[in-house]
PDB file of N, CA and C in Angstrom:
ATOM      1  N   MET A   1       0.626  -1.052   0.124  1.00  0.00           N
ATOM      2  CA  MET A   1      -0.049   0.220  -0.284  1.00  0.00           C
ATOM      3  C   MET A   1       1.150   1.232   0.233  1.00  0.00           C
ATOM      4  N   SER A   2       0.396   2.143  -1.185  1.00  0.00           N
ATOM      5  CA  SER A   2       1.352   3.175  -1.192  1.00  0.00           C
ATOM      6  C   SER A   2       0.632   4.176   0.216  1.00  0.00           C
ATOM      7  N   ASP A   3       2.107   5.685  -0.033  1.00  0.00           N
ATOM      8  CA  ASP A   3       1.401   6.407   0.880  1.00  0.00           C
ATOM      9  C   ASP A   3       0.790   7.666  -0.099  1.00  0.00           C
ATOM     10  N   VAL A   4       0.125   8.862   0.312  1.00  0.00           N
ATOM     11  CA  VAL A   4      -0.547   9.923  -0.109  1.00  0.00           C
ATOM     12  C   VAL A   4      -0.400  11.095   0.818  1.00  0.00           C
ATOM     13  N   SER A   5       0.556  12.187   0.555  1.00  0.00           N
ATOM     14  CA  SER A   5       0.376  13.224   1.968  1.00  0.00           C
ATOM     15  C   SER A   5      -1.434  14.573   1.734  1.00  0.00           C
ATOM     16  N   ILE A   6      -1.217  14.567   2.856  1.00  0.00           N
ATOM     17  CA  ILE A   6      -3.134  15.902   2.281  1.00  0.00           C
ATOM     18  C   ILE A   6      -2.761  16.188   1.319  1.00  0.00           C
ATOM     19  N   ARG A   7      -1.237  16.591   1.477  1.00  0.00           N
ATOM     20  CA  ARG A   7      -0.987  18.031   0.699  1.00  0.00           C
ATOM     21  C   ARG A   7      -1.203  17.399  -1.039  1.00  0.00           C
ATOM     22  N   ASP A   8      -0.966  16.073  -1.438  1.00  0.00           N
ATOM     23  CA  ASP A   8      -0.541  15.666  -2.794  1.00  0.00           C
ATOM     24  C   ASP A   8      -2.283  15.187  -2.263  1.00  0.00           C
ATOM     25  N   LEU A   9      -3.040  15.188  -1.857  1.00  0.00           N
ATOM     26  CA  LEU A   9      -4.419  14.373  -2.108  1.00  0.00           C
ATOM     27  C   LEU A   9      -5.066  15.793  -2.468  1.00  0.00           C
ATOM     28  N   ARG A  10      -5.086  17.157  -1.240  1.00  0.00           N
ATOM     29  CA  ARG A  10      -5.495  18.336  -2.279  1.00  0.00           C
ATOM     30  C   ARG A  10      -5.102  18.919  -3.446  1.00  0.00           C
ATOM     31  N   ASN A  11      -4.110  18.725  -3.944  1.00  0.00           N
ATOM     32  CA  ASN A  11      -3.300  19.039  -5.191  1.00  0.00           C
ATOM     33  C   ASN A  11      -3.840  18.506  -6.279  1.00  0.00           C
ATOM     34  N   ARG A  12      -3.413  17.103  -5.966  1.00  0.00           N
ATOM     35  CA  ARG A  12      -3.574  16.450  -7.411  1.00  0.00           C
ATOM     36  C   ARG A  12      -4.997  14.799  -6.924  1.00  0.00           C
ATOM     37  N   GLY A  13      -5.764  15.385  -7.147  1.00  0.00           N
ATOM     38  CA  GLY A  13      -7.356  14.733  -6.448  1.00  0.00           C
ATOM     39  C   GLY A  13      -6.903  14.470  -7.195  1.00  0.00           C
ATOM     40  N   GLY A  14      -7.653  14.375  -8.832  1.00  0.00           N
ATOM     41  CA  GLY A  14      -7.717  13.901  -9.197  1.00  0.00           C
ATOM     42  C   GLY A  14      -7.614  12.181  -9.867  1.00  0.00           C
ATOM     43  N   GLU A  15      -5.648  13.091 -10.129  1.00  0.00           N
ATOM     44  CA  GLU A  15      -4.853  11.724  -9.780  1.00  0.00           C
ATOM     45  C   GLU A  15      -5.386  10.959  -8.885  1.00  0.00           C
ATOM     46  N   VAL A  16      -5.226  11.156  -7.506  1.00  0.00           N
ATOM     47  CA  VAL A  16      -4.866  10.389  -6.696  1.00  0.00           C
ATOM     48  C   VAL A  16      -6.306   9.195  -6.614  1.00  0.00           C
ATOM     49  N   ILE A  17      -7.075  10.048  -6.757  1.00  0.00           N
ATOM     50  CA  ILE A  17      -8.767   9.131  -7.206  1.00  0.00           C
ATOM     51  C   ILE A  17      -8.851   7.691  -8.237  1.00  0.00           C
ATOM     52  N   ASP A  18      -8.033   8.521  -9.340  1.00  0.00           N
ATOM     53  CA  ASP A  18      -8.140   7.036 -10.643  1.00  0.00           C
ATOM     54  C   ASP A  18      -6.779   6.839  -9.872  1.00  0.00           C
ATOM     55  N   ARG A  19      -5.907   7.056  -9.739  1.00  0.00           N
ATOM     56  CA  ARG A  19      -5.068   5.590  -9.299  1.00  0.00           C
ATOM     57  C   ARG A  19      -5.654   4.537  -8.660  1.00  0.00           C
ATOM     58  N   VAL A  20      -6.761   5.110  -7.258  1.00  0.00           N
ATOM     59  CA  VAL A  20      -8.068   4.713  -6.506  1.00  0.00           C
ATOM     60  C   VAL A  20      -9.078   3.442  -7.505  1.00  0.00           C
ATOM     61  N   GLU A  21      -8.802   4.113  -7.969  1.00  0.00           N
ATOM     62  CA  GLU A  21     -10.374   3.591  -9.353  1.00  0.00           C
ATOM     63  C   GLU A  21      -9.321   2.492 -10.404  1.00  0.00           C
ATOM     64  N   ARG A  22      -8.319   2.071 -10.193  1.00  0.00           N
ATOM     65  CA  ARG A  22      -7.438   1.602 -11.213  1.00  0.00           C
ATOM     66  C   ARG A  22      -7.803   0.343 -10.148  1.00  0.00           C
ATOM     67  N   GLY A  23      -7.361   0.229  -8.684  1.00  0.00           N
ATOM     68  CA  GLY A  23      -7.675  -0.373  -7.596  1.00  0.00           C
ATOM     69  C   GLY A  23      -6.440  -0.658  -6.938  1.00  0.00           C
ATOM     70  N   GLU A  24      -5.793   0.377  -6.836  1.00  0.00           N
ATOM     71  CA  GLU A  24      -4.449   0.838  -6.413  1.00  0.00           C
ATOM     72  C   GLU A  24      -5.702   1.565  -4.228  1.00  0.00           C
ATOM     73  N   ARG A  25      -4.509   0.380  -3.640  1.00  0.00           N
ATOM     74  CA  ARG A  25      -5.056   1.058  -2.250  1.00  0.00           C
ATOM     75  C   ARG A  25      -3.812   2.251  -1.325  1.00  0.00           C
ATOM     76  N   LEU A  26      -4.739   3.244  -1.184  1.00  0.00           N
ATOM     77  CA  LEU A  26      -3.501   3.548  -0.582  1.00  0.00           C
ATOM     78  C   LEU A  26      -3.747   4.838   0.961  1.00  0.00           C
ATOM     79  N   THR A  27      -2.574   5.489   2.144  1.00  0.00           N
ATOM     80  CA  THR A  27      -2.857   5.737   3.062  1.00  0.00           C
ATOM     81  C   THR A  27      -2.518   6.837   2.912  1.00  0.00           C
ATOM     82  N   VAL A  28      -3.802   7.719   3.626  1.00  0.00           N
ATOM     83  CA  VAL A  28      -3.538   9.275   3.514  1.00  0.00           C
ATOM     84  C   VAL A  28      -2.913   9.573   4.934  1.00  0.00           C
ATOM     85  N   THR A  29      -1.429  10.568   4.520  1.00  0.00           N
ATOM     86  CA  THR A  29      -0.798  10.739   5.688  1.00  0.00           C
ATOM     87  C   THR A  29      -1.267  12.676   6.279  1.00  0.00           C
ATOM     88  N   ARG A  30      -0.455  12.943   6.967  1.00  0.00           N
ATOM     89  CA  ARG A  30      -0.190  14.008   7.596  1.00  0.00           C
ATOM     90  C   ARG A  30       0.653  14.243   8.738  1.00  0.00           C
ATOM     91  N   ASP A  31       1.980  15.160   8.720  1.00  0.00           N
ATOM     92  CA  ASP A  31       3.009  15.533   8.209  1.00  0.00           C
ATOM     93  C   ASP A  31       3.309  13.908   9.302  1.00  0.00           C
ATOM     94  N   GLY A  32       3.530  12.885   8.757  1.00  0.00           N
ATOM     95  CA  GLY A  32       4.393  11.423   8.633  1.00  0.00           C
ATOM     96  C   GLY A  32       3.131  10.726   9.049  1.00  0.00           C
ATOM     97  N   ARG A  33       2.534  10.886   9.389  1.00  0.00           N
ATOM     98  CA  ARG A  33       1.572   9.577  10.654  1.00  0.00           C
ATOM     99  C   ARG A  33      -0.066   9.641   9.210  1.00  0.00           C
ATOM    100  N   GLN A  34       0.305   8.309   9.663  1.00  0.00           N
ATOM    101  CA  GLN A  34      -1.520   7.569   8.938  1.00  0.00           C
ATOM    102  C   GLN A  34      -2.575   8.652   9.787  1.00  0.00           C
ATOM    103  N   VAL A  35      -3.440   8.676   8.388  1.00  0.00           N
ATOM    104  CA  VAL A  35      -4.655   9.229   9.323  1.00  0.00           C
ATOM    105  C   VAL A  35      -5.454   8.518   8.447  1.00  0.00           C
ATOM    106  N   ALA A  36      -4.937   8.003   6.882  1.00  0.00           N
ATOM    107  CA  ALA A  36      -6.578   7.740   6.944  1.00  0.00           C
ATOM    108  C   ALA A  36      -6.395   6.589   5.356  1.00  0.00           C
ATOM    109  N   GLU A  37      -7.829   5.808   5.220  1.00  0.00           N
ATOM    110  CA  GLU A  37      -7.173   5.290   4.169  1.00  0.00           C
ATOM    111  C   GLU A  37      -7.894   5.009   2.356  1.00  0.00           C
ATOM    112  N   LEU A  38      -7.560   5.286   1.683  1.00  0.00           N
ATOM    113  CA  LEU A  38      -7.972   5.197   0.595  1.00  0.00           C
ATOM    114  C   LEU A  38      -8.167   3.763   0.033  1.00  0.00           C
ATOM    115  N   ARG A  39      -9.561   2.983  -1.029  1.00  0.00           N
ATOM    116  CA  ARG A  39      -9.356   1.968  -1.681  1.00  0.00           C
ATOM    117  C   ARG A  39     -11.122   2.357  -2.508  1.00  0.00           C
ATOM    118  N   PRO A  40     -10.572   1.473  -3.392  1.00  0.00           N
ATOM    119  CA  PRO A  40     -11.828   1.364  -4.007  1.00  0.00           C
ATOM    120  C   PRO A  40     -13.131   0.760  -3.434  1.00  0.00           C
ATOM    121  N   LEU A  41     -14.136   1.220  -3.999  1.00  0.00           N
ATOM    122  CA  LEU A  41     -15.635  -0.046  -4.042  1.00  0.00           C
ATOM    123  C   LEU A  41     -15.763  -1.252  -3.906  1.00  0.00           C
ATOM    124  N   GLU A  42     -16.561  -1.993  -3.808  1.00  0.00           N
ATOM    125  CA  GLU A  42     -16.507  -3.588  -4.588  1.00  0.00           C
ATOM    126  C   GLU A  42     -17.304  -2.413  -5.039  1.00  0.00           C
ATOM    127  N   ARG A  43     -16.759  -4.060  -6.735  1.00  0.00           N
ATOM    128  CA  ARG A  43     -18.261  -3.590  -7.817  1.00  0.00           C
ATOM    129  C   ARG A  43     -18.519  -5.276  -6.909  1.00  0.00           C
ATOM    130  N   HIS A  44     -20.188  -4.475  -7.308  1.00  0.00           N
ATOM    131  CA  HIS A  44     -21.874  -6.101  -7.623  1.00  0.00           C
ATOM    132  C   HIS A  44     -20.939  -6.546  -8.785  1.00  0.00           C
ATOM    133  N   PRO A  45     -21.644  -7.457  -8.719  1.00  0.00           N
ATOM    134  CA  PRO A  45     -21.772  -8.397 -10.227  1.00  0.00           C
ATOM    135  C   PRO A  45     -23.127  -8.191 -11.224  1.00  0.00           C
ATOM    136  N   VAL A  46     -23.339  -8.183 -11.578  1.00  0.00           N
ATOM    137  CA  VAL A  46     -24.124  -7.999 -12.397  1.00  0.00           C
ATOM    138  C   VAL A  46     -25.046  -9.559 -13.435  1.00  0.00           C
ATOM    139  N   LYS A  47     -25.847  -9.562 -12.743  1.00  0.00           N
ATOM    140  CA  LYS A  47     -26.995 -10.568 -12.849  1.00  0.00           C
ATOM    141  C   LYS A  47     -26.652 -10.647 -14.640  1.00  0.00           C
ATOM    142  N   ALA A  48     -26.715 -12.173 -15.334  1.00  0.00           N
ATOM    143  CA  ALA A  48     -26.615 -13.489 -16.191  1.00  0.00           C
ATOM    144  C   ALA A  48     -28.017 -12.449 -17.644  1.00  0.00           C
ATOM    145  N   GLY A  49     -29.335 -11.831 -16.278  1.00  0.00           N
ATOM    146  CA  GLY A  49     -30.163 -11.576 -17.297  1.00  0.00           C
ATOM    147  C   GLY A  49     -30.117 -10.012 -18.091  1.00  0.00           C
ATOM    148  N   VAL A  50     -29.685  -9.302 -17.081  1.00  0.00           N
ATOM    149  CA  VAL A  50     -29.253  -8.070 -17.344  1.00  0.00           C
ATOM    150  C   VAL A  50     -28.275  -8.119 -18.150  1.00  0.00           C
ATOM    151  N   LEU A  51     -26.556  -8.624 -18.240  1.00  0.00           N
ATOM    152  CA  LEU A  51     -25.906  -9.351 -19.331  1.00  0.00           C
ATOM    153  C   LEU A  51     -26.953  -8.647 -20.374  1.00  0.00           C
ATOM    154  N   ILE A  52     -26.919 -10.113 -20.176  1.00  0.00           N
ATOM    155  CA  ILE A  52     -28.210 -10.811 -21.939  1.00  0.00           C
ATOM    156  C   ILE A  52     -28.522  -9.869 -22.536  1.00  0.00           C
ATOM    157  N   GLU A  53     -29.421  -9.213 -21.978  1.00  0.00           N
ATOM    158  CA  GLU A  53     -30.611  -7.985 -22.422  1.00  0.00           C
ATOM    159  C   GLU A  53     -29.454  -6.768 -23.128  1.00  0.00           C
ATOM    160  N   ARG A  54     -28.209  -6.184 -22.252  1.00  0.00           N
ATOM    161  CA  ARG A  54     -27.368  -5.481 -22.854  1.00  0.00           C
ATOM    162  C   ARG A  54     -27.093  -5.973 -24.110  1.00  0.00           C
ATOM    163  N   TRP A  55     -26.604  -7.241 -24.012  1.00  0.00           N
ATOM    164  CA  TRP A  55     -25.894  -7.653 -24.511  1.00  0.00           C
ATOM    165  C   TRP A  55     -26.974  -7.847 -26.534  1.00  0.00           C
ATOM    166  N   SER A  56     -28.283  -8.117 -26.117  1.00  0.00           N
ATOM    167  CA  SER A  56     -29.150  -7.908 -27.373  1.00  0.00           C
ATOM    168  C   SER A  56     -29.611  -6.397 -28.129  1.00  0.00           C
ATOM    169  N   ARG A  57     -28.931  -5.634 -27.260  1.00  0.00           N
ATOM    170  CA  ARG A  57     -29.479  -3.797 -27.655  1.00  0.00           C
ATOM    171  C   ARG A  57     -27.220  -3.686 -28.588  1.00  0.00           C
ATOM    172  N   LEU A  58     -26.706  -4.482 -28.161  1.00  0.00           N
ATOM    173  CA  LEU A  58     -25.377  -3.987 -29.287  1.00  0.00           C
ATOM    174  C   LEU A  58     -26.110  -4.242 -30.660  1.00  0.00           C
ATOM    175  N   PRO A  59     -25.405  -3.226 -31.415  1.00  0.00           N
ATOM    176  CA  PRO A  59     -25.330  -3.689 -32.752  1.00  0.00           C
ATOM    177  C   PRO A  59     -24.720  -4.224 -33.501  1.00  0.00           C
ATOM    178  N   ARG A  60     -25.157  -5.408 -34.827  1.00  0.00           N
ATOM    179  CA  ARG A  60     -24.903  -5.868 -35.175  1.00  0.00           C
ATOM    180  C   ARG A  60     -23.137  -5.353 -35.749  1.00  0.00           C
ATOM    181  N   PHE A  61     -22.781  -7.050 -35.944  1.00  0.00           N
ATOM    182  CA  PHE A  61     -21.045  -6.770 -36.106  1.00  0.00           C
ATOM    183  C   PHE A  61     -20.686  -7.871 -37.212  1.00  0.00           C
ATOM    184  N   ASP A  62     -19.654  -7.013 -38.469  1.00  0.00           N
ATOM    185  CA  ASP A  62     -19.621  -7.227 -39.800  1.00  0.00           C
ATOM    186  C   ASP A  62     -18.651  -7.299 -39.606  1.00  0.00           C
ATOM    187  N   PRO A  63     -17.219  -8.943 -39.679  1.00  0.00           N
ATOM    188  CA  PRO A  63     -16.248  -9.226 -39.768  1.00  0.00           C
ATOM    189  C   PRO A  63     -15.880  -8.561 -41.062  1.00  0.00           C
ATOM    190  N   ASP A  64     -16.049  -8.794 -41.794  1.00  0.00           N
ATOM    191  CA  ASP A  64     -15.895  -9.043 -43.378  1.00  0.00           C
ATOM    192  C   ASP A  64     -15.776  -7.606 -43.820  1.00  0.00           C
ATOM    193  N   GLY A  65     -17.167  -6.396 -43.449  1.00  0.00           N
ATOM    194  CA  GLY A  65     -17.082  -5.374 -43.500  1.00  0.00           C
ATOM    195  C   GLY A  65     -15.644  -4.580 -42.726  1.00  0.00           C
ATOM    196  N   LEU A  66     -15.705  -4.922 -41.689  1.00  0.00           N
ATOM    197  CA  LEU A  66     -14.662  -4.721 -41.407  1.00  0.00           C
ATOM    198  C   LEU A  66     -12.835  -4.423 -41.987  1.00  0.00           C
ATOM    199  N   ARG A  67     -13.006  -5.722 -42.048  1.00  0.00           N
ATOM    200  CA  ARG A  67     -11.553  -5.984 -42.954  1.00  0.00           C
ATOM    201  C   ARG A  67     -11.928  -4.908 -44.821  1.00  0.00           C
ATOM    202  N   GLN A  68     -13.236  -5.696 -45.005  1.00  0.00           N
ATOM    203  CA  GLN A  68     -13.195  -4.266 -46.127  1.00  0.00           C
ATOM    204  C   GLN A  68     -12.815  -2.816 -46.028  1.00  0.00           C
ATOM    205  N   ASP A  69     -13.497  -1.909 -44.596  1.00  0.00           N
ATOM    206  CA  ASP A  69     -13.184  -1.042 -44.911  1.00  0.00           C
ATOM    207  C   ASP A  69     -11.332  -0.083 -43.941  1.00  0.00           C
ATOM    208  N   ILE A  70     -11.940  -1.986 -43.276  1.00  0.00           N
ATOM    209  CA  ILE A  70      -9.568  -1.179 -43.065  1.00  0.00           C
ATOM    210  C   ILE A  70      -8.768  -1.069 -44.666  1.00  0.00           C
ATOM    211  N   ASP A  71      -8.905  -2.349 -44.814  1.00  0.00           N
ATOM    212  CA  ASP A  71      -8.148  -2.070 -46.358  1.00  0.00           C
ATOM    213  C   ASP A  71      -8.089  -1.329 -47.278  1.00  0.00           C
ATOM    214  N   GLN A  72      -9.134  -0.933 -47.202  1.00  0.00           N
ATOM    215  CA  GLN A  72      -9.727   0.441 -48.354  1.00  0.00           C
ATOM    216  C   GLN A  72      -9.363   2.498 -47.544  1.00  0.00           C
ATOM    217  N   ALA A  73      -8.716   1.697 -46.184  1.00  0.00           N
ATOM    218  CA  ALA A  73      -8.225   3.373 -45.220  1.00  0.00           C
ATOM    219  C   ALA A  73      -6.988   3.030 -45.181  1.00  0.00           C
ATOM    220  N   ILE A  74      -6.216   1.356 -45.910  1.00  0.00           N
ATOM    221  CA  ILE A  74      -5.052   1.660 -45.363  1.00  0.00           C
ATOM    222  C   ILE A  74      -4.345   0.802 -46.641  1.00  0.00           C
ATOM    223  N   ASP A  75      -3.380   1.308 -46.863  1.00  0.00           N
ATOM    224  CA  ASP A  75      -2.387   0.885 -48.338  1.00  0.00           C
ATOM    225  C   ASP A  75      -2.323  -1.003 -47.564  1.00  0.00           C
ATOM    226  N   SER A  76      -2.182  -1.325 -48.073  1.00  0.00           N
ATOM    227  CA  SER A  76      -1.522  -3.167 -48.074  1.00  0.00           C
ATOM    228  C   SER A  76      -0.596  -3.182 -47.875  1.00  0.00           C
ATOM    229  N   ARG A  77      -0.106  -2.342 -48.932  1.00  0.00           N
ATOM    230  CA  ARG A  77       1.616  -2.524 -49.773  1.00  0.00           C
ATOM    231  C   ARG A  77       2.243  -2.065 -48.243  1.00  0.00           C
ATOM    232  N   LEU A  78       1.629  -1.197 -47.386  1.00  0.00           N
ATOM    233  CA  LEU A  78       3.523  -1.094 -46.491  1.00  0.00           C
ATOM    234  C   LEU A  78       3.825  -1.864 -45.477  1.00  0.00           C
TER     235      LEU A  78
END
């Protein structure tokens, strides 16, 4: 676990929270003393029915069409 000072938390709060959001646990220090801990919140699993419903709303994917679009956009001789 890494330490972050209150000054860094105040001055770089967004960066500190980004680190926590990525899963890092941080100890907040004041005058070198540990005073608090920042940790990511637990994420609750999504139920299969919800995932299936979300999946059903995704646009169709055409791999052949994608390949054609890429071939038209990029010179294949490179």
